[in-house]
C-alpha cells in the first residue's frame, strides 16, 4: 500500500512525529509566564506599536506573541 501523505516516510511515522510535535508545542505553551516572556529578547517597540495599533491590552498582546 502506498503512503497517503509523503512518499519518503511511512504514514504511521509521519503521524507519530506530528503528534510528538503537537504535544511538545502544548507543553511549551503552558510553561510560558510573563516573567519568562520578558526574559526573552523581545522587540519592545514592535510590541508597543502592535498594542496601540491593534488596541490590545498587555495580557492579550503577550498571548498573541506566544501563539505566534
PDB file of N, CA and C in Angstrom:
ATOM      1  N   UNK A   1       0.842  -1.185   0.000  1.00  0.00           N
ATOM      2  CA  UNK A   1       0.000   0.000   0.000  1.00  0.00           C
ATOM      3  C   UNK A   1       0.893   1.257   0.000  1.00  0.00           C
ATOM      4  N   UNK A   2       0.598   2.165  -0.865  1.00  0.00           N
ATOM      5  CA  UNK A   2       1.376   3.405  -0.984  1.00  0.00           C
ATOM      6  C   UNK A   2       1.040   4.343   0.175  1.00  0.00           C
ATOM      7  N   UNK A   3       2.003   5.187   0.494  1.00  0.00           N
ATOM      8  CA  UNK A   3       1.767   6.186   1.527  1.00  0.00           C
ATOM      9  C   UNK A   3       0.758   7.204   1.053  1.00  0.00           C
ATOM     10  N   UNK A   4      -0.058   7.664   1.947  1.00  0.00           N
ATOM     11  CA  UNK A   4      -1.093   8.640   1.618  1.00  0.00           C
ATOM     12  C   UNK A   4      -0.544  10.071   1.579  1.00  0.00           C
ATOM     13  N   UNK A   5       0.418  10.367   2.469  1.00  0.00           N
ATOM     14  CA  UNK A   5       0.859  11.749   2.637  1.00  0.00           C
ATOM     15  C   UNK A   5       2.181  12.066   1.935  1.00  0.00           C
ATOM     16  N   UNK A   6       3.201  11.289   2.209  1.00  0.00           N
ATOM     17  CA  UNK A   6       4.522  11.527   1.639  1.00  0.00           C
ATOM     18  C   UNK A   6       5.102  10.205   1.158  1.00  0.00           C
ATOM     19  N   UNK A   7       5.913  10.270   0.136  1.00  0.00           N
ATOM     20  CA  UNK A   7       6.474   9.035  -0.412  1.00  0.00           C
ATOM     21  C   UNK A   7       7.712   8.553   0.340  1.00  0.00           C
ATOM     22  N   UNK A   8       8.384   9.445   1.051  1.00  0.00           N
ATOM     23  CA  UNK A   8       9.672   9.105   1.655  1.00  0.00           C
ATOM     24  C   UNK A   8       9.598   8.756   3.142  1.00  0.00           C
ATOM     25  N   UNK A   9       8.404   8.743   3.732  1.00  0.00           N
ATOM     26  CA  UNK A   9       8.231   8.394   5.146  1.00  0.00           C
ATOM     27  C   UNK A   9       6.875   7.706   5.287  1.00  0.00           C
ATOM     28  N   UNK A  10       6.826   6.701   6.129  1.00  0.00           N
ATOM     29  CA  UNK A  10       5.557   5.986   6.296  1.00  0.00           C
ATOM     30  C   UNK A  10       4.519   6.903   6.942  1.00  0.00           C
ATOM     31  N   UNK A  11       3.274   6.674   6.612  1.00  0.00           N
ATOM     32  CA  UNK A  11       2.193   7.469   7.196  1.00  0.00           C
ATOM     33  C   UNK A  11       2.194   7.359   8.714  1.00  0.00           C
ATOM     34  N   UNK A  12       2.441   6.152   9.226  1.00  0.00           N
ATOM     35  CA  UNK A  12       2.469   5.955  10.679  1.00  0.00           C
ATOM     36  C   UNK A  12       3.546   6.811  11.329  1.00  0.00           C
ATOM     37  N   UNK A  13       4.739   6.793  10.747  1.00  0.00           N
ATOM     38  CA  UNK A  13       5.836   7.571  11.332  1.00  0.00           C
ATOM     39  C   UNK A  13       5.568   9.071  11.222  1.00  0.00           C
ATOM     40  N   UNK A  14       5.043   9.498  10.119  1.00  0.00           N
ATOM     41  CA  UNK A  14       4.717  10.916   9.940  1.00  0.00           C
ATOM     42  C   UNK A  14       3.706  11.374  10.982  1.00  0.00           C
ATOM     43  N   UNK A  15       2.649  10.614  11.166  1.00  0.00           N
ATOM     44  CA  UNK A  15       1.625  10.986  12.134  1.00  0.00           C
ATOM     45  C   UNK A  15       2.166  10.930  13.564  1.00  0.00           C
ATOM     46  N   UNK A  16       3.048   9.996  13.847  1.00  0.00           N
ATOM     47  CA  UNK A  16       3.701   9.909  15.150  1.00  0.00           C
ATOM     48  C   UNK A  16       4.532  11.171  15.401  1.00  0.00           C
ATOM     49  N   UNK A  17       5.282  11.592  14.407  1.00  0.00           N
ATOM     50  CA  UNK A  17       6.116  12.801  14.543  1.00  0.00           C
ATOM     51  C   UNK A  17       5.262  14.049  14.740  1.00  0.00           C
ATOM     52  N   UNK A  18       4.179  14.144  14.008  1.00  0.00           N
ATOM     53  CA  UNK A  18       3.288  15.296  14.142  1.00  0.00           C
ATOM     54  C   UNK A  18       2.662  15.318  15.530  1.00  0.00           C
ATOM     55  N   UNK A  19       2.272  14.154  16.019  1.00  0.00           N
ATOM     56  CA  UNK A  19       1.700  14.063  17.363  1.00  0.00           C
ATOM     57  C   UNK A  19       2.711  14.503  18.424  1.00  0.00           C
ATOM     58  N   UNK A  20       3.955  14.061  18.293  1.00  0.00           N
ATOM     59  CA  UNK A  20       5.001  14.472  19.237  1.00  0.00           C
ATOM     60  C   UNK A  20       5.245  15.972  19.179  1.00  0.00           C
ATOM     61  N   UNK A  21       5.289  16.524  17.989  1.00  0.00           N
ATOM     62  CA  UNK A  21       5.484  17.961  17.825  1.00  0.00           C
ATOM     63  C   UNK A  21       4.346  18.731  18.484  1.00  0.00           C
ATOM     64  N   UNK A  22       3.132  18.277  18.269  1.00  0.00           N
ATOM     65  CA  UNK A  22       1.965  18.944  18.845  1.00  0.00           C
ATOM     66  C   UNK A  22       2.016  18.908  20.368  1.00  0.00           C
ATOM     67  N   UNK A  23       2.343  17.763  20.949  1.00  0.00           N
ATOM     68  CA  UNK A  23       2.445  17.645  22.405  1.00  0.00           C
ATOM     69  C   UNK A  23       3.536  18.563  22.958  1.00  0.00           C
ATOM     70  N   UNK A  24       4.675  18.617  22.273  1.00  0.00           N
ATOM     71  CA  UNK A  24       5.772  19.491  22.707  1.00  0.00           C
ATOM     72  C   UNK A  24       5.357  20.953  22.660  1.00  0.00           C
ATOM     73  N   UNK A  25       4.645  21.318  21.610  1.00  0.00           N
ATOM     74  CA  UNK A  25       4.157  22.687  21.454  1.00  0.00           C
ATOM     75  C   UNK A  25       3.224  23.058  22.606  1.00  0.00           C
ATOM     76  N   UNK A  26       2.306  22.161  22.930  1.00  0.00           N
ATOM     77  CA  UNK A  26       1.361  22.437  24.014  1.00  0.00           C
ATOM     78  C   UNK A  26       2.066  22.552  25.362  1.00  0.00           C
ATOM     79  N   UNK A  27       3.050  21.690  25.612  1.00  0.00           N
ATOM     80  CA  UNK A  27       3.807  21.765  26.867  1.00  0.00           C
ATOM     81  C   UNK A  27       4.564  23.089  26.962  1.00  0.00           C
ATOM     82  N   UNK A  28       5.193  23.485  25.883  1.00  0.00           N
ATOM     83  CA  UNK A  28       5.960  24.741  25.882  1.00  0.00           C
ATOM     84  C   UNK A  28       5.036  25.933  26.100  1.00  0.00           C
ATOM     85  N   UNK A  29       3.868  25.879  25.500  1.00  0.00           N
ATOM     86  CA  UNK A  29       2.913  26.975  25.625  1.00  0.00           C
ATOM     87  C   UNK A  29       2.401  27.104  27.058  1.00  0.00           C
ATOM     88  N   UNK A  30       2.196  25.985  27.717  1.00  0.00           N
ATOM     89  CA  UNK A  30       1.716  26.001  29.101  1.00  0.00           C
ATOM     90  C   UNK A  30       2.775  26.546  30.057  1.00  0.00           C
ATOM     91  N   UNK A  31       4.024  26.412  29.690  1.00  0.00           N
ATOM     92  CA  UNK A  31       5.132  26.767  30.570  1.00  0.00           C
ATOM     93  C   UNK A  31       5.526  28.243  30.482  1.00  0.00           C
ATOM     94  N   UNK A  32       4.848  29.023  29.684  1.00  0.00           N
ATOM     95  CA  UNK A  32       5.232  30.424  29.494  1.00  0.00           C
ATOM     96  C   UNK A  32       4.521  31.294  30.523  1.00  0.00           C
ATOM     97  N   UNK A  33       5.288  32.179  31.121  1.00  0.00           N
ATOM     98  CA  UNK A  33       4.738  33.160  32.055  1.00  0.00           C
ATOM     99  C   UNK A  33       5.188  34.545  31.594  1.00  0.00           C
ATOM    100  N   UNK A  34       4.604  35.567  32.184  1.00  0.00           N
ATOM    101  CA  UNK A  34       5.032  36.938  31.835  1.00  0.00           C
ATOM    102  C   UNK A  34       6.522  37.112  32.111  1.00  0.00           C
ATOM    103  N   UNK A  35       6.959  36.595  33.254  1.00  0.00           N
ATOM    104  CA  UNK A  35       8.361  36.754  33.631  1.00  0.00           C
ATOM    105  C   UNK A  35       9.265  36.094  32.587  1.00  0.00           C
ATOM    106  N   UNK A  36       8.943  34.860  32.189  1.00  0.00           N
ATOM    107  CA  UNK A  36       9.739  34.160  31.178  1.00  0.00           C
ATOM    108  C   UNK A  36       9.639  34.863  29.827  1.00  0.00           C
ATOM    109  N   UNK A  37       8.443  35.370  29.524  1.00  0.00           N
ATOM    110  CA  UNK A  37       8.242  36.068  28.254  1.00  0.00           C
ATOM    111  C   UNK A  37       9.163  37.276  28.150  1.00  0.00           C
ATOM    112  N   UNK A  38       9.217  38.080  29.199  1.00  0.00           N
ATOM    113  CA  UNK A  38      10.035  39.293  29.168  1.00  0.00           C
ATOM    114  C   UNK A  38      11.524  39.009  29.311  1.00  0.00           C
ATOM    115  N   UNK A  39      11.895  37.804  29.751  1.00  0.00           N
ATOM    116  CA  UNK A  39      13.310  37.436  29.813  1.00  0.00           C
ATOM    117  C   UNK A  39      13.874  37.205  28.414  1.00  0.00           C
ATOM    118  N   UNK A  40      13.009  36.797  27.481  1.00  0.00           N
ATOM    119  CA  UNK A  40      13.452  36.587  26.103  1.00  0.00           C
ATOM    120  C   UNK A  40      13.777  37.923  25.460  1.00  0.00           C
ATOM    121  N   UNK A  41      14.576  37.867  24.442  1.00  0.00           N
ATOM    122  CA  UNK A  41      14.863  39.098  23.702  1.00  0.00           C
ATOM    123  C   UNK A  41      13.638  39.415  22.855  1.00  0.00           C
ATOM    124  N   UNK A  42      12.946  40.466  23.237  1.00  0.00           N
ATOM    125  CA  UNK A  42      11.750  40.861  22.509  1.00  0.00           C
ATOM    126  C   UNK A  42      11.925  42.283  21.995  1.00  0.00           C
ATOM    127  N   UNK A  43      11.239  42.574  20.957  1.00  0.00           N
ATOM    128  CA  UNK A  43      11.270  43.904  20.364  1.00  0.00           C
ATOM    129  C   UNK A  43      10.170  44.733  21.030  1.00  0.00           C
ATOM    130  N   UNK A  44      10.546  45.491  22.046  1.00  0.00           N
ATOM    131  CA  UNK A  44       9.550  46.243  22.816  1.00  0.00           C
ATOM    132  C   UNK A  44       8.876  47.329  21.977  1.00  0.00           C
ATOM    133  N   UNK A  45       9.598  47.877  21.027  1.00  0.00           N
ATOM    134  CA  UNK A  45       8.994  48.907  20.165  1.00  0.00           C
ATOM    135  C   UNK A  45       7.905  48.274  19.305  1.00  0.00           C
ATOM    136  N   UNK A  46       8.196  47.120  18.731  1.00  0.00           N
ATOM    137  CA  UNK A  46       7.189  46.411  17.941  1.00  0.00           C
ATOM    138  C   UNK A  46       5.973  46.079  18.794  1.00  0.00           C
ATOM    139  N   UNK A  47       6.216  45.585  20.018  1.00  0.00           N
ATOM    140  CA  UNK A  47       5.102  45.245  20.898  1.00  0.00           C
ATOM    141  C   UNK A  47       4.262  46.473  21.239  1.00  0.00           C
ATOM    142  N   UNK A  48       4.919  47.599  21.450  1.00  0.00           N
ATOM    143  CA  UNK A  48       4.198  48.828  21.757  1.00  0.00           C
ATOM    144  C   UNK A  48       3.309  49.233  20.586  1.00  0.00           C
ATOM    145  N   UNK A  49       3.864  49.215  19.373  1.00  0.00           N
ATOM    146  CA  UNK A  49       3.068  49.557  18.192  1.00  0.00           C
ATOM    147  C   UNK A  49       1.937  48.547  17.982  1.00  0.00           C
ATOM    148  N   UNK A  50       2.235  47.261  18.129  1.00  0.00           N
ATOM    149  CA  UNK A  50       1.201  46.236  17.982  1.00  0.00           C
ATOM    150  C   UNK A  50       0.057  46.472  18.962  1.00  0.00           C
ATOM    151  N   UNK A  51       0.403  46.783  20.194  1.00  0.00           N
ATOM    152  CA  UNK A  51      -0.620  47.010  21.218  1.00  0.00           C
ATOM    153  C   UNK A  51      -1.490  48.219  20.867  1.00  0.00           C
ATOM    154  N   UNK A  52      -0.842  49.296  20.467  1.00  0.00           N
ATOM    155  CA  UNK A  52      -1.588  50.531  20.171  1.00  0.00           C
ATOM    156  C   UNK A  52      -2.400  50.415  18.884  1.00  0.00           C
ATOM    157  N   UNK A  53      -1.776  49.915  17.837  1.00  0.00           N
ATOM    158  CA  UNK A  53      -2.454  49.832  16.538  1.00  0.00           C
ATOM    159  C   UNK A  53      -3.594  48.820  16.531  1.00  0.00           C
ATOM    160  N   UNK A  54      -3.464  47.778  17.354  1.00  0.00           N
ATOM    161  CA  UNK A  54      -4.480  46.728  17.372  1.00  0.00           C
ATOM    162  C   UNK A  54      -5.367  46.784  18.617  1.00  0.00           C
ATOM    163  N   UNK A  55      -5.184  47.844  19.403  1.00  0.00           N
ATOM    164  CA  UNK A  55      -5.989  48.057  20.604  1.00  0.00           C
ATOM    165  C   UNK A  55      -5.994  46.814  21.496  1.00  0.00           C
ATOM    166  N   UNK A  56      -4.778  46.340  21.841  1.00  0.00           N
ATOM    167  CA  UNK A  56      -4.616  45.142  22.660  1.00  0.00           C
ATOM    168  C   UNK A  56      -4.076  45.512  24.030  1.00  0.00           C
ATOM    169  N   UNK A  57      -4.622  44.885  25.073  1.00  0.00           N
ATOM    170  CA  UNK A  57      -4.044  45.074  26.394  1.00  0.00           C
ATOM    171  C   UNK A  57      -2.814  44.178  26.513  1.00  0.00           C
ATOM    172  N   UNK A  58      -2.053  44.367  27.579  1.00  0.00           N
ATOM    173  CA  UNK A  58      -0.782  43.640  27.732  1.00  0.00           C
ATOM    174  C   UNK A  58      -0.993  42.125  27.727  1.00  0.00           C
ATOM    175  N   UNK A  59      -1.991  41.670  28.453  1.00  0.00           N
ATOM    176  CA  UNK A  59      -2.250  40.222  28.557  1.00  0.00           C
ATOM    177  C   UNK A  59      -2.557  39.610  27.186  1.00  0.00           C
ATOM    178  N   UNK A  60      -3.416  40.257  26.430  1.00  0.00           N
ATOM    179  CA  UNK A  60      -3.781  39.762  25.098  1.00  0.00           C
ATOM    180  C   UNK A  60      -2.585  39.815  24.159  1.00  0.00           C
ATOM    181  N   UNK A  61      -1.825  40.878  24.253  1.00  0.00           N
ATOM    182  CA  UNK A  61      -0.642  41.034  23.413  1.00  0.00           C
ATOM    183  C   UNK A  61       0.361  39.902  23.666  1.00  0.00           C
ATOM    184  N   UNK A  62       0.601  39.599  24.916  1.00  0.00           N
ATOM    185  CA  UNK A  62       1.538  38.541  25.256  1.00  0.00           C
ATOM    186  C   UNK A  62       1.023  37.196  24.743  1.00  0.00           C
ATOM    187  N   UNK A  63      -0.260  36.945  24.925  1.00  0.00           N
ATOM    188  CA  UNK A  63      -0.830  35.685  24.443  1.00  0.00           C
ATOM    189  C   UNK A  63      -0.688  35.551  22.923  1.00  0.00           C
ATOM    190  N   UNK A  64      -0.921  36.638  22.207  1.00  0.00           N
ATOM    191  CA  UNK A  64      -0.791  36.562  20.743  1.00  0.00           C
ATOM    192  C   UNK A  64       0.662  36.353  20.337  1.00  0.00           C
ATOM    193  N   UNK A  65       1.588  36.971  21.057  1.00  0.00           N
ATOM    194  CA  UNK A  65       3.013  36.779  20.753  1.00  0.00           C
ATOM    195  C   UNK A  65       3.458  35.353  21.059  1.00  0.00           C
ATOM    196  N   UNK A  66       2.967  34.797  22.139  1.00  0.00           N
ATOM    197  CA  UNK A  66       3.309  33.417  22.490  1.00  0.00           C
ATOM    198  C   UNK A  66       2.782  32.479  21.411  1.00  0.00           C
ATOM    199  N   UNK A  67       1.571  32.702  20.963  1.00  0.00           N
ATOM    200  CA  UNK A  67       0.995  31.869  19.912  1.00  0.00           C
ATOM    201  C   UNK A  67       1.726  32.007  18.592  1.00  0.00           C
ATOM    202  N   UNK A  68       2.247  33.205  18.346  1.00  0.00           N
ATOM    203  CA  UNK A  68       2.982  33.429  17.104  1.00  0.00           C
ATOM    204  C   UNK A  68       4.302  32.673  17.172  1.00  0.00           C
TER     205      UNK A  68
END
